[in-house]
């Protein structure tokens, strides 16, 4: 049994009502819901929320909201792992258990059904605990600068003259999905498992959305990707 969990609380400090804000013609939350449904691999696609408007939109686009998020997991300091634990606990109380789950963020409009299917396949064909979507840093972090007493300093002088192609690539969380084994999550209680494999995405498929400028860039990427189809 597989479960798709989309955590979407009502509060948002940097972009007000971020999870229901219109993105290229429909609420941004809708894209995550539709990608999960289109993937056709989940026994249930649900949205965890504390917000009635988000719950209505989730159901309008085909997701389930079998229970509302508690006050404890709706606060600013609740972690994604806290939310997932509550969801799995509430399903367990209903007598429903899932072997694997994918946590899909609600502001991931560039995520596709194909990528979701690939992530689940990577997990289930491996002996690993989880799969995380990542993207390579666009510039070698070994050649970073830092500020010291108002002056720009080279962080790692030994790499400053190195060719980019000779430096080890570094990756960061793409902010789109975590696919995990429920048994591993129960033991470890965290989103980044001890044994994790990557789903590597291109920069065109990834955009962190924390500011209005980020939002506009994400819309441009979405439109460009849509024209390629």
C-alpha atoms as a PDB file:
ATOM      1  CA  UNK A   1       0.000   0.000   0.000  1.00  0.00           C
ATOM      2  CA  UNK A   2       1.300   3.434  -0.973  1.00  0.00           C
ATOM      3  CA  UNK A   3       0.238   6.817   0.377  1.00  0.00           C
ATOM      4  CA  UNK A   4       0.840  10.315  -0.987  1.00  0.00           C
ATOM      5  CA  UNK A   5       0.879  12.975   1.735  1.00  0.00           C
ATOM      6  CA  UNK A   6       0.756  16.657   0.805  1.00  0.00           C
ATOM      7  CA  UNK A   7       1.343  18.835   3.901  1.00  0.00           C
ATOM      8  CA  UNK A   8      -0.305  22.225   3.386  1.00  0.00           C
ATOM      9  CA  UNK A   9      -0.973  24.389   6.398  1.00  0.00           C
ATOM     10  CA  UNK A  10      -2.790  27.693   6.229  1.00  0.00           C
ATOM     11  CA  UNK A  11      -0.098  29.918   7.700  1.00  0.00           C
ATOM     12  CA  UNK A  12       2.668  31.387   5.553  1.00  0.00           C
ATOM     13  CA  UNK A  13       4.908  34.226   6.632  1.00  0.00           C
ATOM     14  CA  UNK A  14       6.822  35.215   3.486  1.00  0.00           C
ATOM     15  CA  UNK A  15       4.088  34.742   0.858  1.00  0.00           C
ATOM     16  CA  UNK A  16       0.623  35.105   2.437  1.00  0.00           C
ATOM     17  CA  UNK A  17      -1.771  32.216   1.667  1.00  0.00           C
ATOM     18  CA  UNK A  18       1.023  30.664  -0.377  1.00  0.00           C
ATOM     19  CA  UNK A  19      -0.548  27.210  -0.710  1.00  0.00           C
ATOM     20  CA  UNK A  20      -3.713  28.536  -2.385  1.00  0.00           C
ATOM     21  CA  UNK A  21      -2.182  31.418  -4.353  1.00  0.00           C
ATOM     22  CA  UNK A  22      -2.877  31.237  -8.093  1.00  0.00           C
ATOM     23  CA  UNK A  23      -0.012  29.860 -10.140  1.00  0.00           C
ATOM     24  CA  UNK A  24      -0.403  29.926 -13.936  1.00  0.00           C
ATOM     25  CA  UNK A  25      -4.178  29.763 -13.716  1.00  0.00           C
ATOM     26  CA  UNK A  26      -4.948  27.580 -10.688  1.00  0.00           C
ATOM     27  CA  UNK A  27      -4.025  27.249  -7.013  1.00  0.00           C
ATOM     28  CA  UNK A  28      -0.434  26.072  -6.630  1.00  0.00           C
ATOM     29  CA  UNK A  29      -1.576  23.223  -4.381  1.00  0.00           C
ATOM     30  CA  UNK A  30      -3.483  21.743  -7.329  1.00  0.00           C
ATOM     31  CA  UNK A  31      -0.283  20.861  -9.187  1.00  0.00           C
ATOM     32  CA  UNK A  32       0.994  18.558  -6.445  1.00  0.00           C
ATOM     33  CA  UNK A  33      -2.406  16.901  -6.101  1.00  0.00           C
ATOM     34  CA  UNK A  34      -2.736  16.365  -9.847  1.00  0.00           C
ATOM     35  CA  UNK A  35       0.806  14.997 -10.213  1.00  0.00           C
ATOM     36  CA  UNK A  36       0.163  12.458  -7.451  1.00  0.00           C
ATOM     37  CA  UNK A  37      -3.156  11.379  -8.965  1.00  0.00           C
ATOM     38  CA  UNK A  38      -1.758  11.229 -12.497  1.00  0.00           C
ATOM     39  CA  UNK A  39       1.102   9.021 -11.309  1.00  0.00           C
ATOM     40  CA  UNK A  40      -1.499   6.307 -10.736  1.00  0.00           C
ATOM     41  CA  UNK A  41       0.628   4.497  -8.145  1.00  0.00           C
ATOM     42  CA  UNK A  42      -0.888   5.628  -4.843  1.00  0.00           C
ATOM     43  CA  UNK A  43      -3.683   3.899  -2.988  1.00  0.00           C
ATOM     44  CA  UNK A  44      -4.565   7.254  -1.452  1.00  0.00           C
ATOM     45  CA  UNK A  45      -3.631  10.871  -2.128  1.00  0.00           C
ATOM     46  CA  UNK A  46      -4.309  13.038   0.914  1.00  0.00           C
ATOM     47  CA  UNK A  47      -3.700  16.591   2.059  1.00  0.00           C
ATOM     48  CA  UNK A  48      -2.803  17.327   5.676  1.00  0.00           C
ATOM     49  CA  UNK A  49      -4.052  20.785   6.576  1.00  0.00           C
ATOM     50  CA  UNK A  50      -5.470  22.899   9.364  1.00  0.00           C
ATOM     51  CA  UNK A  51      -7.212  25.237   6.922  1.00  0.00           C
ATOM     52  CA  UNK A  52     -10.796  24.854   5.668  1.00  0.00           C
ATOM     53  CA  UNK A  53     -10.146  26.626   2.343  1.00  0.00           C
ATOM     54  CA  UNK A  54      -7.169  24.404   1.618  1.00  0.00           C
ATOM     55  CA  UNK A  55      -9.230  21.343   2.529  1.00  0.00           C
ATOM     56  CA  UNK A  56     -11.991  22.369   0.106  1.00  0.00           C
ATOM     57  CA  UNK A  57      -9.526  23.007  -2.719  1.00  0.00           C
ATOM     58  CA  UNK A  58      -7.748  19.714  -2.076  1.00  0.00           C
ATOM     59  CA  UNK A  59     -10.998  17.790  -2.375  1.00  0.00           C
ATOM     60  CA  UNK A  60     -12.044  19.845  -5.402  1.00  0.00           C
ATOM     61  CA  UNK A  61      -8.923  18.678  -7.252  1.00  0.00           C
ATOM     62  CA  UNK A  62      -9.342  15.056  -6.205  1.00  0.00           C
ATOM     63  CA  UNK A  63      -7.364  14.579  -2.982  1.00  0.00           C
ATOM     64  CA  UNK A  64      -8.806  13.319   0.285  1.00  0.00           C
ATOM     65  CA  UNK A  65      -8.783  15.154   3.601  1.00  0.00           C
ATOM     66  CA  UNK A  66      -9.808  12.367   5.995  1.00  0.00           C
ATOM     67  CA  UNK A  67      -8.910  14.404   9.092  1.00  0.00           C
ATOM     68  CA  UNK A  68      -7.689  17.892   9.899  1.00  0.00           C
ATOM     69  CA  UNK A  69      -4.242  18.670  11.225  1.00  0.00           C
ATOM     70  CA  UNK A  70      -3.949  19.249  14.951  1.00  0.00           C
ATOM     71  CA  UNK A  71      -3.032  22.601  16.487  1.00  0.00           C
ATOM     72  CA  UNK A  72       0.305  21.116  17.541  1.00  0.00           C
ATOM     73  CA  UNK A  73       1.398  20.289  13.989  1.00  0.00           C
ATOM     74  CA  UNK A  74      -0.032  23.482  12.487  1.00  0.00           C
ATOM     75  CA  UNK A  75       2.366  25.805  14.303  1.00  0.00           C
ATOM     76  CA  UNK A  76       5.494  27.509  13.014  1.00  0.00           C
ATOM     77  CA  UNK A  77       7.816  25.126  14.834  1.00  0.00           C
ATOM     78  CA  UNK A  78       6.270  21.821  13.752  1.00  0.00           C
ATOM     79  CA  UNK A  79       8.534  19.832  11.444  1.00  0.00           C
ATOM     80  CA  UNK A  80       7.537  17.872   8.370  1.00  0.00           C
ATOM     81  CA  UNK A  81       8.374  14.701  10.310  1.00  0.00           C
ATOM     82  CA  UNK A  82       5.905  15.778  13.025  1.00  0.00           C
ATOM     83  CA  UNK A  83       3.175  16.170  10.408  1.00  0.00           C
ATOM     84  CA  UNK A  84       3.928  12.804   8.791  1.00  0.00           C
ATOM     85  CA  UNK A  85       3.931  11.045  12.175  1.00  0.00           C
ATOM     86  CA  UNK A  86       0.497  12.456  12.951  1.00  0.00           C
ATOM     87  CA  UNK A  87      -0.884  11.428   9.562  1.00  0.00           C
ATOM     88  CA  UNK A  88       0.380   7.857   9.829  1.00  0.00           C
ATOM     89  CA  UNK A  89      -0.880   7.620  13.415  1.00  0.00           C
ATOM     90  CA  UNK A  90      -4.370   8.784  12.431  1.00  0.00           C
ATOM     91  CA  UNK A  91      -4.521   6.283   9.566  1.00  0.00           C
ATOM     92  CA  UNK A  92      -3.373   3.546  11.922  1.00  0.00           C
ATOM     93  CA  UNK A  93      -6.250   4.386  14.265  1.00  0.00           C
ATOM     94  CA  UNK A  94      -8.552   3.812  11.292  1.00  0.00           C
ATOM     95  CA  UNK A  95      -6.964   0.415  10.736  1.00  0.00           C
ATOM     96  CA  UNK A  96      -5.037   1.511   7.644  1.00  0.00           C
ATOM     97  CA  UNK A  97      -1.307   0.886   7.248  1.00  0.00           C
ATOM     98  CA  UNK A  98       0.933   1.868   4.321  1.00  0.00           C
ATOM     99  CA  UNK A  99       4.192   0.187   3.307  1.00  0.00           C
ATOM    100  CA  UNK A 100       5.587   3.312   1.671  1.00  0.00           C
ATOM    101  CA  UNK A 101       4.619   6.955   1.470  1.00  0.00           C
ATOM    102  CA  UNK A 102       5.657   9.997  -0.533  1.00  0.00           C
ATOM    103  CA  UNK A 103       5.643  13.376   1.137  1.00  0.00           C
ATOM    104  CA  UNK A 104       5.011  15.857  -1.684  1.00  0.00           C
ATOM    105  CA  UNK A 105       5.320  19.536  -0.932  1.00  0.00           C
ATOM    106  CA  UNK A 106       2.324  21.704  -1.887  1.00  0.00           C
ATOM    107  CA  UNK A 107       4.426  24.324  -3.683  1.00  0.00           C
ATOM    108  CA  UNK A 108       6.074  21.999  -6.209  1.00  0.00           C
ATOM    109  CA  UNK A 109       4.365  22.869  -9.514  1.00  0.00           C
ATOM    110  CA  UNK A 110       7.349  21.647 -11.547  1.00  0.00           C
ATOM    111  CA  UNK A 111       7.035  18.110 -10.163  1.00  0.00           C
ATOM    112  CA  UNK A 112       5.621  15.596 -12.644  1.00  0.00           C
ATOM    113  CA  UNK A 113       3.844  12.263 -12.402  1.00  0.00           C
ATOM    114  CA  UNK A 114       6.788  10.638 -14.200  1.00  0.00           C
ATOM    115  CA  UNK A 115       9.203  11.863 -11.546  1.00  0.00           C
ATOM    116  CA  UNK A 116       6.957  10.490  -8.818  1.00  0.00           C
ATOM    117  CA  UNK A 117       6.783   7.106 -10.499  1.00  0.00           C
ATOM    118  CA  UNK A 118      10.562   7.076 -10.853  1.00  0.00           C
ATOM    119  CA  UNK A 119      11.061   7.945  -7.180  1.00  0.00           C
ATOM    120  CA  UNK A 120       8.797   5.137  -6.002  1.00  0.00           C
ATOM    121  CA  UNK A 121      10.442   2.685  -8.396  1.00  0.00           C
ATOM    122  CA  UNK A 122      13.904   3.660  -7.127  1.00  0.00           C
ATOM    123  CA  UNK A 123      12.791   3.025  -3.564  1.00  0.00           C
ATOM    124  CA  UNK A 124      11.007  -0.248  -4.143  1.00  0.00           C
ATOM    125  CA  UNK A 125      13.737  -1.747  -6.319  1.00  0.00           C
ATOM    126  CA  UNK A 126      16.393  -0.963  -3.721  1.00  0.00           C
ATOM    127  CA  UNK A 127      17.085  -2.004  -0.147  1.00  0.00           C
ATOM    128  CA  UNK A 128      17.260   1.651   0.899  1.00  0.00           C
ATOM    129  CA  UNK A 129      15.097   3.497   3.406  1.00  0.00           C
ATOM    130  CA  UNK A 130      14.228   6.521   1.307  1.00  0.00           C
ATOM    131  CA  UNK A 131      14.505   8.591  -1.859  1.00  0.00           C
ATOM    132  CA  UNK A 132      14.932  12.372  -1.833  1.00  0.00           C
ATOM    133  CA  UNK A 133      14.738  14.748  -4.794  1.00  0.00           C
ATOM    134  CA  UNK A 134      17.942  16.769  -5.127  1.00  0.00           C
ATOM    135  CA  UNK A 135      19.545  19.219  -7.537  1.00  0.00           C
ATOM    136  CA  UNK A 136      23.214  20.036  -8.087  1.00  0.00           C
ATOM    137  CA  UNK A 137      24.463  23.422  -6.922  1.00  0.00           C
ATOM    138  CA  UNK A 138      24.822  25.671  -9.943  1.00  0.00           C
ATOM    139  CA  UNK A 139      28.307  26.827  -8.907  1.00  0.00           C
ATOM    140  CA  UNK A 140      31.064  24.876  -7.091  1.00  0.00           C
ATOM    141  CA  UNK A 141      30.599  25.489  -3.373  1.00  0.00           C
ATOM    142  CA  UNK A 142      34.331  24.807  -2.845  1.00  0.00           C
ATOM    143  CA  UNK A 143      34.995  28.224  -4.397  1.00  0.00           C
ATOM    144  CA  UNK A 144      32.713  30.073  -1.976  1.00  0.00           C
ATOM    145  CA  UNK A 145      33.385  33.415  -0.314  1.00  0.00           C
ATOM    146  CA  UNK A 146      32.519  34.405   3.260  1.00  0.00           C
ATOM    147  CA  UNK A 147      32.315  37.747   5.030  1.00  0.00           C
ATOM    148  CA  UNK A 148      34.805  38.403   7.836  1.00  0.00           C
ATOM    149  CA  UNK A 149      34.686  41.803   9.554  1.00  0.00           C
ATOM    150  CA  UNK A 150      33.124  43.358   6.485  1.00  0.00           C
ATOM    151  CA  UNK A 151      35.668  41.913   4.066  1.00  0.00           C
ATOM    152  CA  UNK A 152      35.196  39.244   1.421  1.00  0.00           C
ATOM    153  CA  UNK A 153      37.353  36.205   2.092  1.00  0.00           C
ATOM    154  CA  UNK A 154      37.897  32.933   0.228  1.00  0.00           C
ATOM    155  CA  UNK A 155      36.457  30.094   2.299  1.00  0.00           C
ATOM    156  CA  UNK A 156      38.691  27.369   0.872  1.00  0.00           C
ATOM    157  CA  UNK A 157      41.798  28.948  -0.737  1.00  0.00           C
ATOM    158  CA  UNK A 158      43.071  25.551  -1.882  1.00  0.00           C
ATOM    159  CA  UNK A 159      40.219  25.345  -4.399  1.00  0.00           C
ATOM    160  CA  UNK A 160      40.086  28.915  -5.695  1.00  0.00           C
ATOM    161  CA  UNK A 161      42.085  28.157  -8.856  1.00  0.00           C
ATOM    162  CA  UNK A 162      40.665  24.686  -9.426  1.00  0.00           C
ATOM    163  CA  UNK A 163      38.686  24.027 -12.593  1.00  0.00           C
ATOM    164  CA  UNK A 164      34.964  23.531 -12.019  1.00  0.00           C
ATOM    165  CA  UNK A 165      35.006  20.158 -13.785  1.00  0.00           C
ATOM    166  CA  UNK A 166      37.696  18.911 -11.393  1.00  0.00           C
ATOM    167  CA  UNK A 167      35.666  19.605  -8.250  1.00  0.00           C
ATOM    168  CA  UNK A 168      33.263  17.149  -6.639  1.00  0.00           C
ATOM    169  CA  UNK A 169      29.637  18.127  -7.340  1.00  0.00           C
ATOM    170  CA  UNK A 170      27.507  19.055  -4.332  1.00  0.00           C
ATOM    171  CA  UNK A 171      23.711  18.687  -4.167  1.00  0.00           C
ATOM    172  CA  UNK A 172      20.893  20.192  -2.139  1.00  0.00           C
ATOM    173  CA  UNK A 173      17.307  19.262  -1.357  1.00  0.00           C
ATOM    174  CA  UNK A 174      15.059  20.173  -4.288  1.00  0.00           C
ATOM    175  CA  UNK A 175      12.109  20.783  -1.961  1.00  0.00           C
ATOM    176  CA  UNK A 176       9.736  18.543  -3.865  1.00  0.00           C
ATOM    177  CA  UNK A 177       9.442  15.036  -2.439  1.00  0.00           C
ATOM    178  CA  UNK A 178      10.548  12.385  -0.001  1.00  0.00           C
ATOM    179  CA  UNK A 179       9.572   8.770  -0.674  1.00  0.00           C
ATOM    180  CA  UNK A 180      10.121   6.635   2.418  1.00  0.00           C
ATOM    181  CA  UNK A 181       9.470   3.191   3.810  1.00  0.00           C
ATOM    182  CA  UNK A 182       6.985   3.532   6.649  1.00  0.00           C
ATOM    183  CA  UNK A 183       8.868   0.996   8.773  1.00  0.00           C
ATOM    184  CA  UNK A 184      12.100   2.987   8.402  1.00  0.00           C
ATOM    185  CA  UNK A 185      10.331   6.235   9.271  1.00  0.00           C
ATOM    186  CA  UNK A 186       8.801   4.612  12.362  1.00  0.00           C
ATOM    187  CA  UNK A 187      12.271   3.636  13.573  1.00  0.00           C
ATOM    188  CA  UNK A 188      14.150   6.806  12.657  1.00  0.00           C
ATOM    189  CA  UNK A 189      11.487   9.506  12.901  1.00  0.00           C
ATOM    190  CA  UNK A 190      13.097  11.794  10.339  1.00  0.00           C
ATOM    191  CA  UNK A 191      12.685  12.674   6.677  1.00  0.00           C
ATOM    192  CA  UNK A 192      16.291  12.127   5.617  1.00  0.00           C
ATOM    193  CA  UNK A 193      16.861   8.445   6.268  1.00  0.00           C
ATOM    194  CA  UNK A 194      20.156   6.795   7.220  1.00  0.00           C
ATOM    195  CA  UNK A 195      20.158   4.982   3.867  1.00  0.00           C
ATOM    196  CA  UNK A 196      18.925   7.394   1.215  1.00  0.00           C
ATOM    197  CA  UNK A 197      19.290   7.471  -2.554  1.00  0.00           C
ATOM    198  CA  UNK A 198      18.792  10.545  -4.732  1.00  0.00           C
ATOM    199  CA  UNK A 199      16.343  11.433  -7.424  1.00  0.00           C
ATOM    200  CA  UNK A 200      18.513  13.948  -9.285  1.00  0.00           C
ATOM    201  CA  UNK A 201      16.608  16.761 -10.998  1.00  0.00           C
ATOM    202  CA  UNK A 202      17.776  19.439 -13.407  1.00  0.00           C
ATOM    203  CA  UNK A 203      17.821  23.116 -12.452  1.00  0.00           C
ATOM    204  CA  UNK A 204      14.939  23.709 -14.863  1.00  0.00           C
ATOM    205  CA  UNK A 205      12.759  21.351 -12.804  1.00  0.00           C
ATOM    206  CA  UNK A 206      13.481  23.004  -9.466  1.00  0.00           C
ATOM    207  CA  UNK A 207      12.636  26.375  -7.961  1.00  0.00           C
ATOM    208  CA  UNK A 208      12.546  27.281  -4.293  1.00  0.00           C
ATOM    209  CA  UNK A 209       9.534  29.571  -3.787  1.00  0.00           C
ATOM    210  CA  UNK A 210      10.005  31.895  -0.824  1.00  0.00           C
ATOM    211  CA  UNK A 211       9.612  35.344  -2.413  1.00  0.00           C
ATOM    212  CA  UNK A 212       7.500  36.965  -5.099  1.00  0.00           C
ATOM    213  CA  UNK A 213      10.565  36.936  -7.368  1.00  0.00           C
ATOM    214  CA  UNK A 214      10.909  33.183  -6.820  1.00  0.00           C
ATOM    215  CA  UNK A 215       7.252  32.805  -7.729  1.00  0.00           C
ATOM    216  CA  UNK A 216       7.701  34.607 -11.041  1.00  0.00           C
ATOM    217  CA  UNK A 217      10.777  32.540 -11.917  1.00  0.00           C
ATOM    218  CA  UNK A 218       8.866  29.337 -11.146  1.00  0.00           C
ATOM    219  CA  UNK A 219       6.044  30.426 -13.462  1.00  0.00           C
ATOM    220  CA  UNK A 220       8.545  31.118 -16.251  1.00  0.00           C
ATOM    221  CA  UNK A 221      10.102  27.677 -15.800  1.00  0.00           C
ATOM    222  CA  UNK A 222       6.678  26.055 -15.772  1.00  0.00           C
ATOM    223  CA  UNK A 223       5.647  27.761 -19.005  1.00  0.00           C
ATOM    224  CA  UNK A 224       8.936  26.811 -20.685  1.00  0.00           C
ATOM    225  CA  UNK A 225       8.586  23.171 -19.627  1.00  0.00           C
ATOM    226  CA  UNK A 226       4.982  23.118 -20.799  1.00  0.00           C
ATOM    227  CA  UNK A 227       5.984  24.399 -24.244  1.00  0.00           C
ATOM    228  CA  UNK A 228       8.538  21.592 -24.558  1.00  0.00           C
ATOM    229  CA  UNK A 229       5.855  18.905 -24.303  1.00  0.00           C
END
